[in-house]
Amino acid sequence: MNVNEPSEAPDIDFLLACRDGDVEAFAALYERHAPAVLRYAWSRIGDRSLAEEILQDTFTTAWAKRTSASIVDLSLLPWLLAICHNYVRNQVRRSRRTRTLPLDSRLSDPSTEDVSLAWITDAMDALSATDRRIVELCLIEGFSYRAVAEQLDSTPAAVGKRLQRARSRLQGALSPSESEMRNS
């Protein structure tokens, strides 16, 4: 296949060559559609480096699934964007799980720090010793459920469930205005 003229050849020609393992044809498809896929991912994620990772994942998956690719209106772009959309959706899910709230600007004043964070201390004190330790290990120190389970002689599923309940209790300790801000 002559990849010197990628803009003139239809995607079906590239796809057929790719199905036969032609890496140069796949490179031409990448050159043709990568900018659009990157723009799509970037517009949804808002982070250039994450969008670039999603772009690479999209084309890695496209190569792996090249034998089952579907062409719409003689273009592989809709199929590539569908793959990209799935990666974007997964990234959004992961981001929601690790989303944090910005600290109040009043925290820059040391005299108000104790008052502003008092609800956190009270909410943590209301947890059982085991739940408090799980929150500290998982959320603050970043240990995996498995590592915490081994440390506490438990199972990863039990740690996950206890952490879920502890998060709910901590979220319930937020004032109504902070809780509404967090849910938006």
C-alpha atoms as a PDB file:
ATOM      1  CA  MET A   1       0.000   0.000   0.000  1.00  0.00           C
ATOM      2  CA  ASN A   2       1.303   3.454  -0.867  1.00  0.00           C
ATOM      3  CA  VAL A   3       1.027   5.557   2.295  1.00  0.00           C
ATOM      4  CA  ASN A   4       2.475   8.617   0.587  1.00  0.00           C
ATOM      5  CA  GLU A   5      -1.051   9.623  -0.402  1.00  0.00           C
ATOM      6  CA  PRO A   6      -3.068   9.036   2.777  1.00  0.00           C
ATOM      7  CA  SER A   7      -5.505  11.865   2.143  1.00  0.00           C
ATOM      8  CA  GLU A   8      -6.666  10.410  -1.182  1.00  0.00           C
ATOM      9  CA  ALA A   9      -7.166   6.761  -0.234  1.00  0.00           C
ATOM     10  CA  PRO A  10     -10.461   5.869   1.476  1.00  0.00           C
ATOM     11  CA  ASP A  11     -10.353   4.394   4.969  1.00  0.00           C
ATOM     12  CA  ILE A  12     -11.588   1.045   3.656  1.00  0.00           C
ATOM     13  CA  ASP A  13      -8.330   0.591   1.735  1.00  0.00           C
ATOM     14  CA  PHE A  14      -6.331   1.298   4.866  1.00  0.00           C
ATOM     15  CA  LEU A  15      -8.562  -0.983   6.933  1.00  0.00           C
ATOM     16  CA  LEU A  16      -8.166  -3.883   4.533  1.00  0.00           C
ATOM     17  CA  ALA A  17      -4.403  -3.423   4.570  1.00  0.00           C
ATOM     18  CA  CYS A  18      -4.442  -3.190   8.377  1.00  0.00           C
ATOM     19  CA  ARG A  19      -6.395  -6.420   8.622  1.00  0.00           C
ATOM     20  CA  ASP A  20      -3.527  -8.044   6.719  1.00  0.00           C
ATOM     21  CA  GLY A  21      -1.108  -6.642   9.324  1.00  0.00           C
ATOM     22  CA  ASP A  22       0.157  -3.625   7.356  1.00  0.00           C
ATOM     23  CA  VAL A  23       1.607  -1.354  10.031  1.00  0.00           C
ATOM     24  CA  GLU A  24       2.308   1.443   7.530  1.00  0.00           C
ATOM     25  CA  ALA A  25      -1.382   1.562   6.592  1.00  0.00           C
ATOM     26  CA  PHE A  26      -2.262   1.812  10.276  1.00  0.00           C
ATOM     27  CA  ALA A  27       0.267   4.620  10.674  1.00  0.00           C
ATOM     28  CA  ALA A  28      -1.464   6.444   7.816  1.00  0.00           C
ATOM     29  CA  LEU A  29      -4.834   5.984   9.559  1.00  0.00           C
ATOM     30  CA  TYR A  30      -3.284   7.359  12.726  1.00  0.00           C
ATOM     31  CA  GLU A  31      -1.945  10.398  10.873  1.00  0.00           C
ATOM     32  CA  ARG A  32      -5.368  10.969   9.332  1.00  0.00           C
ATOM     33  CA  HIS A  33      -7.567  10.600  12.410  1.00  0.00           C
ATOM     34  CA  ALA A  34      -5.368  11.214  15.479  1.00  0.00           C
ATOM     35  CA  PRO A  35      -5.945  14.991  15.507  1.00  0.00           C
ATOM     36  CA  ALA A  36      -9.744  14.572  15.565  1.00  0.00           C
ATOM     37  CA  VAL A  37      -9.612  11.838  18.218  1.00  0.00           C
ATOM     38  CA  LEU A  38      -7.260  13.944  20.358  1.00  0.00           C
ATOM     39  CA  ARG A  39      -9.531  17.000  20.076  1.00  0.00           C
ATOM     40  CA  TYR A  40     -12.539  14.883  21.047  1.00  0.00           C
ATOM     41  CA  ALA A  41     -10.797  13.424  24.107  1.00  0.00           C
ATOM     42  CA  TRP A  42      -9.366  16.782  25.144  1.00  0.00           C
ATOM     43  CA  SER A  43     -12.746  18.495  24.844  1.00  0.00           C
ATOM     44  CA  ARG A  44     -14.309  15.901  27.133  1.00  0.00           C
ATOM     45  CA  ILE A  45     -11.483  15.541  29.682  1.00  0.00           C
ATOM     46  CA  GLY A  46     -10.008  19.049  29.711  1.00  0.00           C
ATOM     47  CA  ASP A  47      -6.500  17.734  30.358  1.00  0.00           C
ATOM     48  CA  ARG A  48      -4.067  17.510  27.434  1.00  0.00           C
ATOM     49  CA  SER A  49      -1.862  14.777  28.909  1.00  0.00           C
ATOM     50  CA  LEU A  50      -4.837  12.565  29.790  1.00  0.00           C
ATOM     51  CA  ALA A  51      -6.271  13.186  26.322  1.00  0.00           C
ATOM     52  CA  GLU A  52      -2.980  12.051  24.782  1.00  0.00           C
ATOM     53  CA  GLU A  53      -3.063   8.870  26.877  1.00  0.00           C
ATOM     54  CA  ILE A  54      -6.631   8.237  25.742  1.00  0.00           C
ATOM     55  CA  LEU A  55      -5.556   8.819  22.137  1.00  0.00           C
ATOM     56  CA  GLN A  56      -2.861   6.167  22.469  1.00  0.00           C
ATOM     57  CA  ASP A  57      -5.240   3.748  24.180  1.00  0.00           C
ATOM     58  CA  THR A  58      -7.808   4.344  21.440  1.00  0.00           C
ATOM     59  CA  PHE A  59      -5.404   3.468  18.656  1.00  0.00           C
ATOM     60  CA  THR A  60      -3.960   0.516  20.570  1.00  0.00           C
ATOM     61  CA  THR A  61      -7.490  -0.864  20.886  1.00  0.00           C
ATOM     62  CA  ALA A  62      -8.203  -0.049  17.237  1.00  0.00           C
ATOM     63  CA  TRP A  63      -5.186  -2.092  16.160  1.00  0.00           C
ATOM     64  CA  ALA A  64      -6.205  -4.989  18.397  1.00  0.00           C
ATOM     65  CA  LYS A  65      -9.778  -4.910  17.043  1.00  0.00           C
ATOM     66  CA  ARG A  66      -8.964  -4.061  13.429  1.00  0.00           C
ATOM     67  CA  THR A  67     -10.582  -7.273  12.188  1.00  0.00           C
ATOM     68  CA  SER A  68     -13.926  -6.252  13.686  1.00  0.00           C
ATOM     69  CA  ALA A  69     -13.832  -2.564  12.716  1.00  0.00           C
ATOM     70  CA  SER A  70     -16.929  -1.065  11.198  1.00  0.00           C
ATOM     71  CA  ILE A  71     -16.940   1.626   8.533  1.00  0.00           C
ATOM     72  CA  VAL A  72     -19.574   4.352   8.544  1.00  0.00           C
ATOM     73  CA  ASP A  73     -19.852   6.517   5.433  1.00  0.00           C
ATOM     74  CA  LEU A  74     -16.456   5.252   4.231  1.00  0.00           C
ATOM     75  CA  SER A  75     -14.714   6.562   7.358  1.00  0.00           C
ATOM     76  CA  LEU A  76     -13.270   4.824  10.400  1.00  0.00           C
ATOM     77  CA  LEU A  77     -13.514   8.031  12.424  1.00  0.00           C
ATOM     78  CA  PRO A  78     -16.927   7.234  13.988  1.00  0.00           C
ATOM     79  CA  TRP A  79     -15.614   3.828  15.102  1.00  0.00           C
ATOM     80  CA  LEU A  80     -12.456   5.428  16.525  1.00  0.00           C
ATOM     81  CA  LEU A  81     -14.502   8.083  18.326  1.00  0.00           C
ATOM     82  CA  ALA A  82     -16.714   5.366  19.835  1.00  0.00           C
ATOM     83  CA  ILE A  83     -13.603   3.661  21.229  1.00  0.00           C
ATOM     84  CA  CYS A  84     -12.308   7.020  22.463  1.00  0.00           C
ATOM     85  CA  HIS A  85     -15.674   7.804  24.059  1.00  0.00           C
ATOM     86  CA  ASN A  86     -15.459   4.596  26.101  1.00  0.00           C
ATOM     87  CA  TYR A  87     -12.001   5.524  27.368  1.00  0.00           C
ATOM     88  CA  VAL A  88     -13.191   9.040  28.198  1.00  0.00           C
ATOM     89  CA  ARG A  89     -16.177   7.647  30.100  1.00  0.00           C
ATOM     90  CA  ASN A  90     -13.918   5.318  32.080  1.00  0.00           C
ATOM     91  CA  GLN A  91     -11.561   8.194  32.890  1.00  0.00           C
ATOM     92  CA  VAL A  92     -14.452  10.344  34.091  1.00  0.00           C
ATOM     93  CA  ARG A  93     -15.574   7.499  36.369  1.00  0.00           C
ATOM     94  CA  ARG A  94     -12.067   7.149  37.802  1.00  0.00           C
ATOM     95  CA  SER A  95     -11.852  10.910  38.315  1.00  0.00           C
ATOM     96  CA  ARG A  96     -15.133  10.980  40.221  1.00  0.00           C
ATOM     97  CA  ARG A  97     -13.848   8.356  42.632  1.00  0.00           C
ATOM     98  CA  THR A  98     -10.765  10.418  43.424  1.00  0.00           C
ATOM     99  CA  ARG A  99     -12.311  13.889  43.171  1.00  0.00           C
ATOM    100  CA  THR A 100     -11.441  16.250  45.980  1.00  0.00           C
ATOM    101  CA  LEU A 101     -12.871  19.534  47.113  1.00  0.00           C
ATOM    102  CA  PRO A 102     -10.698  22.625  47.246  1.00  0.00           C
ATOM    103  CA  LEU A 103      -9.885  23.758  50.757  1.00  0.00           C
ATOM    104  CA  ASP A 104     -11.486  26.939  51.925  1.00  0.00           C
ATOM    105  CA  SER A 105      -9.325  30.011  51.301  1.00  0.00           C
ATOM    106  CA  ARG A 106      -9.691  30.876  54.992  1.00  0.00           C
ATOM    107  CA  LEU A 107      -7.278  28.043  55.733  1.00  0.00           C
ATOM    108  CA  SER A 108      -4.388  30.314  54.777  1.00  0.00           C
ATOM    109  CA  ASP A 109      -5.047  32.149  58.039  1.00  0.00           C
ATOM    110  CA  PRO A 110      -3.671  29.926  60.840  1.00  0.00           C
ATOM    111  CA  SER A 111      -6.097  31.403  63.383  1.00  0.00           C
ATOM    112  CA  THR A 112      -9.126  30.065  61.474  1.00  0.00           C
ATOM    113  CA  GLU A 113      -7.601  26.716  60.520  1.00  0.00           C
ATOM    114  CA  ASP A 114      -8.687  24.897  63.674  1.00  0.00           C
ATOM    115  CA  VAL A 115     -12.265  26.212  63.372  1.00  0.00           C
ATOM    116  CA  SER A 116     -12.543  25.415  59.636  1.00  0.00           C
ATOM    117  CA  LEU A 117     -11.322  21.843  60.050  1.00  0.00           C
ATOM    118  CA  ALA A 118     -13.173  21.110  63.276  1.00  0.00           C
ATOM    119  CA  TRP A 119     -15.964  19.279  61.453  1.00  0.00           C
ATOM    120  CA  ILE A 120     -13.381  16.896  59.945  1.00  0.00           C
ATOM    121  CA  THR A 121     -11.938  16.088  63.346  1.00  0.00           C
ATOM    122  CA  ASP A 122     -15.422  15.625  64.834  1.00  0.00           C
ATOM    123  CA  ALA A 123     -16.524  13.403  61.937  1.00  0.00           C
ATOM    124  CA  MET A 124     -13.362  11.286  62.156  1.00  0.00           C
ATOM    125  CA  ASP A 125     -13.774  10.946  65.929  1.00  0.00           C
ATOM    126  CA  ALA A 126     -17.321   9.670  65.381  1.00  0.00           C
ATOM    127  CA  LEU A 127     -15.978   6.719  63.350  1.00  0.00           C
ATOM    128  CA  SER A 128     -14.989   3.449  64.995  1.00  0.00           C
ATOM    129  CA  ALA A 129     -11.258   2.948  65.526  1.00  0.00           C
ATOM    130  CA  THR A 130     -11.129   0.416  62.670  1.00  0.00           C
ATOM    131  CA  ASP A 131     -13.027   2.664  60.242  1.00  0.00           C
ATOM    132  CA  ARG A 132     -10.863   5.634  61.190  1.00  0.00           C
ATOM    133  CA  ARG A 133      -7.723   3.551  60.530  1.00  0.00           C
ATOM    134  CA  ILE A 134      -9.110   2.398  57.167  1.00  0.00           C
ATOM    135  CA  VAL A 135      -9.836   6.023  56.184  1.00  0.00           C
ATOM    136  CA  GLU A 136      -6.335   7.062  57.224  1.00  0.00           C
ATOM    137  CA  LEU A 137      -4.639   4.216  55.364  1.00  0.00           C
ATOM    138  CA  CYS A 138      -6.729   4.273  52.177  1.00  0.00           C
ATOM    139  CA  LEU A 139      -7.664   7.914  51.728  1.00  0.00           C
ATOM    140  CA  ILE A 140      -4.840   9.767  53.393  1.00  0.00           C
ATOM    141  CA  GLU A 141      -1.848   7.463  52.937  1.00  0.00           C
ATOM    142  CA  GLY A 142      -3.025   5.928  49.645  1.00  0.00           C
ATOM    143  CA  PHE A 143      -2.729   2.235  50.481  1.00  0.00           C
ATOM    144  CA  SER A 144      -4.703  -0.268  48.403  1.00  0.00           C
ATOM    145  CA  TYR A 145      -7.626  -2.197  49.876  1.00  0.00           C
ATOM    146  CA  ARG A 146      -5.518  -5.354  49.705  1.00  0.00           C
ATOM    147  CA  ALA A 147      -2.622  -3.800  51.662  1.00  0.00           C
ATOM    148  CA  VAL A 148      -4.984  -2.433  54.311  1.00  0.00           C
ATOM    149  CA  ALA A 149      -6.803  -5.770  54.538  1.00  0.00           C
ATOM    150  CA  GLU A 150      -3.514  -7.564  55.167  1.00  0.00           C
ATOM    151  CA  GLN A 151      -2.555  -5.014  57.809  1.00  0.00           C
ATOM    152  CA  LEU A 152      -5.916  -5.294  59.584  1.00  0.00           C
ATOM    153  CA  ASP A 153      -6.303  -9.056  59.082  1.00  0.00           C
ATOM    154  CA  SER A 154      -9.411  -8.594  56.930  1.00  0.00           C
ATOM    155  CA  THR A 155     -10.455  -8.955  53.291  1.00  0.00           C
ATOM    156  CA  PRO A 156     -10.218  -6.313  50.552  1.00  0.00           C
ATOM    157  CA  ALA A 157     -14.008  -6.501  50.100  1.00  0.00           C
ATOM    158  CA  ALA A 158     -14.599  -5.812  53.792  1.00  0.00           C
ATOM    159  CA  VAL A 159     -12.169  -2.895  53.720  1.00  0.00           C
ATOM    160  CA  GLY A 160     -13.926  -1.468  50.657  1.00  0.00           C
ATOM    161  CA  LYS A 161     -17.358  -1.776  52.263  1.00  0.00           C
ATOM    162  CA  ARG A 162     -16.203  -0.201  55.530  1.00  0.00           C
ATOM    163  CA  LEU A 163     -14.548   2.627  53.609  1.00  0.00           C
ATOM    164  CA  GLN A 164     -17.747   3.195  51.632  1.00  0.00           C
ATOM    165  CA  ARG A 165     -19.752   3.494  54.855  1.00  0.00           C
ATOM    166  CA  ALA A 166     -17.127   5.757  56.426  1.00  0.00           C
ATOM    167  CA  ARG A 167     -17.193   8.034  53.379  1.00  0.00           C
ATOM    168  CA  SER A 168     -20.972   8.273  53.665  1.00  0.00           C
ATOM    169  CA  ARG A 169     -20.691   9.223  57.332  1.00  0.00           C
ATOM    170  CA  LEU A 170     -18.012  11.794  56.587  1.00  0.00           C
ATOM    171  CA  GLN A 171     -20.051  13.256  53.750  1.00  0.00           C
ATOM    172  CA  GLY A 172     -23.069  13.421  56.072  1.00  0.00           C
ATOM    173  CA  ALA A 173     -20.974  15.520  58.450  1.00  0.00           C
ATOM    174  CA  LEU A 174     -20.653  18.250  55.825  1.00  0.00           C
ATOM    175  CA  SER A 175     -22.866  21.250  56.316  1.00  0.00           C
ATOM    176  CA  PRO A 176     -25.804  21.427  53.848  1.00  0.00           C
ATOM    177  CA  SER A 177     -24.108  24.102  51.714  1.00  0.00           C
ATOM    178  CA  GLU A 178     -20.843  22.137  51.505  1.00  0.00           C
ATOM    179  CA  SER A 179     -22.753  18.937  50.744  1.00  0.00           C
ATOM    180  CA  GLU A 180     -24.618  20.642  47.889  1.00  0.00           C
ATOM    181  CA  MET A 181     -21.343  22.026  46.511  1.00  0.00           C
ATOM    182  CA  ARG A 182     -19.771  18.562  46.606  1.00  0.00           C
ATOM    183  CA  ASN A 183     -22.687  16.938  44.752  1.00  0.00           C
ATOM    184  CA  SER A 184     -22.624  19.476  41.925  1.00  0.00           C
END
